[in-house]
Protein backbone atom coordinates (compact mmCIF):
# COMPACT_ATOMS: atom_id res chain seq x y z
CA MET A 1 -1.06 -25.78 -36.04
CA PRO A 2 -3.57 -23.22 -34.58
CA GLN A 3 -2.33 -23.00 -31.14
CA LEU A 4 1.05 -21.67 -32.27
CA ASN A 5 -0.18 -18.58 -34.16
CA PRO A 6 0.88 -15.84 -31.45
CA ASN A 7 -1.42 -13.29 -33.22
CA PRO A 8 -4.95 -13.40 -31.60
CA TRP A 9 -3.38 -15.09 -28.32
CA PHE A 10 -0.18 -12.38 -27.62
CA ALA A 11 -2.58 -9.75 -28.08
CA ILE A 12 -5.24 -10.93 -25.26
CA LEU A 13 -2.17 -11.67 -23.24
CA MET A 14 -1.11 -7.88 -23.51
CA PHE A 15 -4.63 -6.49 -23.18
CA SER A 16 -4.95 -8.34 -19.67
CA TRP A 17 -1.98 -7.80 -18.30
CA ILE A 18 -2.95 -4.05 -18.87
CA ILE A 19 -6.06 -4.25 -17.17
CA PHE A 20 -4.27 -6.27 -14.41
CA LEU A 21 -1.17 -4.04 -13.59
CA THR A 22 -3.45 -0.55 -14.28
CA ILE A 23 -7.39 -0.85 -13.91
CA ILE A 24 -7.25 -3.53 -11.05
CA PRO A 25 -5.05 -1.88 -8.67
CA THR A 26 -6.43 1.15 -8.77
CA LYS A 27 -10.00 -0.28 -7.70
CA ILE A 28 -8.32 -1.88 -4.88
CA LEU A 29 -6.47 0.81 -3.93
CA ASN A 30 -9.40 3.20 -3.08
CA HIS A 31 -10.92 1.11 -0.43
CA THR A 32 -10.01 2.61 2.77
CA ALA A 33 -10.20 0.40 6.21
CA PRO A 34 -13.05 1.24 7.89
CA ASN A 35 -11.47 1.31 11.42
CA GLU A 36 -8.09 3.42 11.04
CA PRO A 37 -5.49 2.62 13.73
CA THR A 38 -5.13 4.98 16.36
CA PRO A 39 -1.55 5.62 17.51
CA ILE A 40 -0.44 4.73 21.24
CA ASN A 41 1.59 7.10 23.39
CA GLU A 42 5.12 5.50 23.98
CA GLU A 43 4.44 5.90 28.08
CA GLN A 44 1.91 3.17 27.54
CA CYS A 45 4.20 1.18 25.51
CA LYS A 46 7.02 0.88 28.19
CA THR A 47 7.18 -2.80 29.92
CA GLU A 48 9.51 -3.37 32.82
CA SER A 49 12.12 -5.55 33.13
CA TRP A 50 11.66 -9.28 34.27
CA ASP A 51 14.01 -11.16 35.87
CA TRP A 52 14.11 -14.87 35.14
CA PRO A 53 14.19 -17.11 38.21
CA TRP A 54 17.31 -19.11 37.16
């Protein structure tokens, strides 16, 4: 049965995983977000306590 012969399929599997784990993540991580988040001062984030009505 030819599907049990691991010679070509194992090599294809290994090369595809090498591509997925090395080349593709570096290409994806090279892209940067167009709008970088700006830090917010701590004074702006302070909230006042709120008394519950019950």
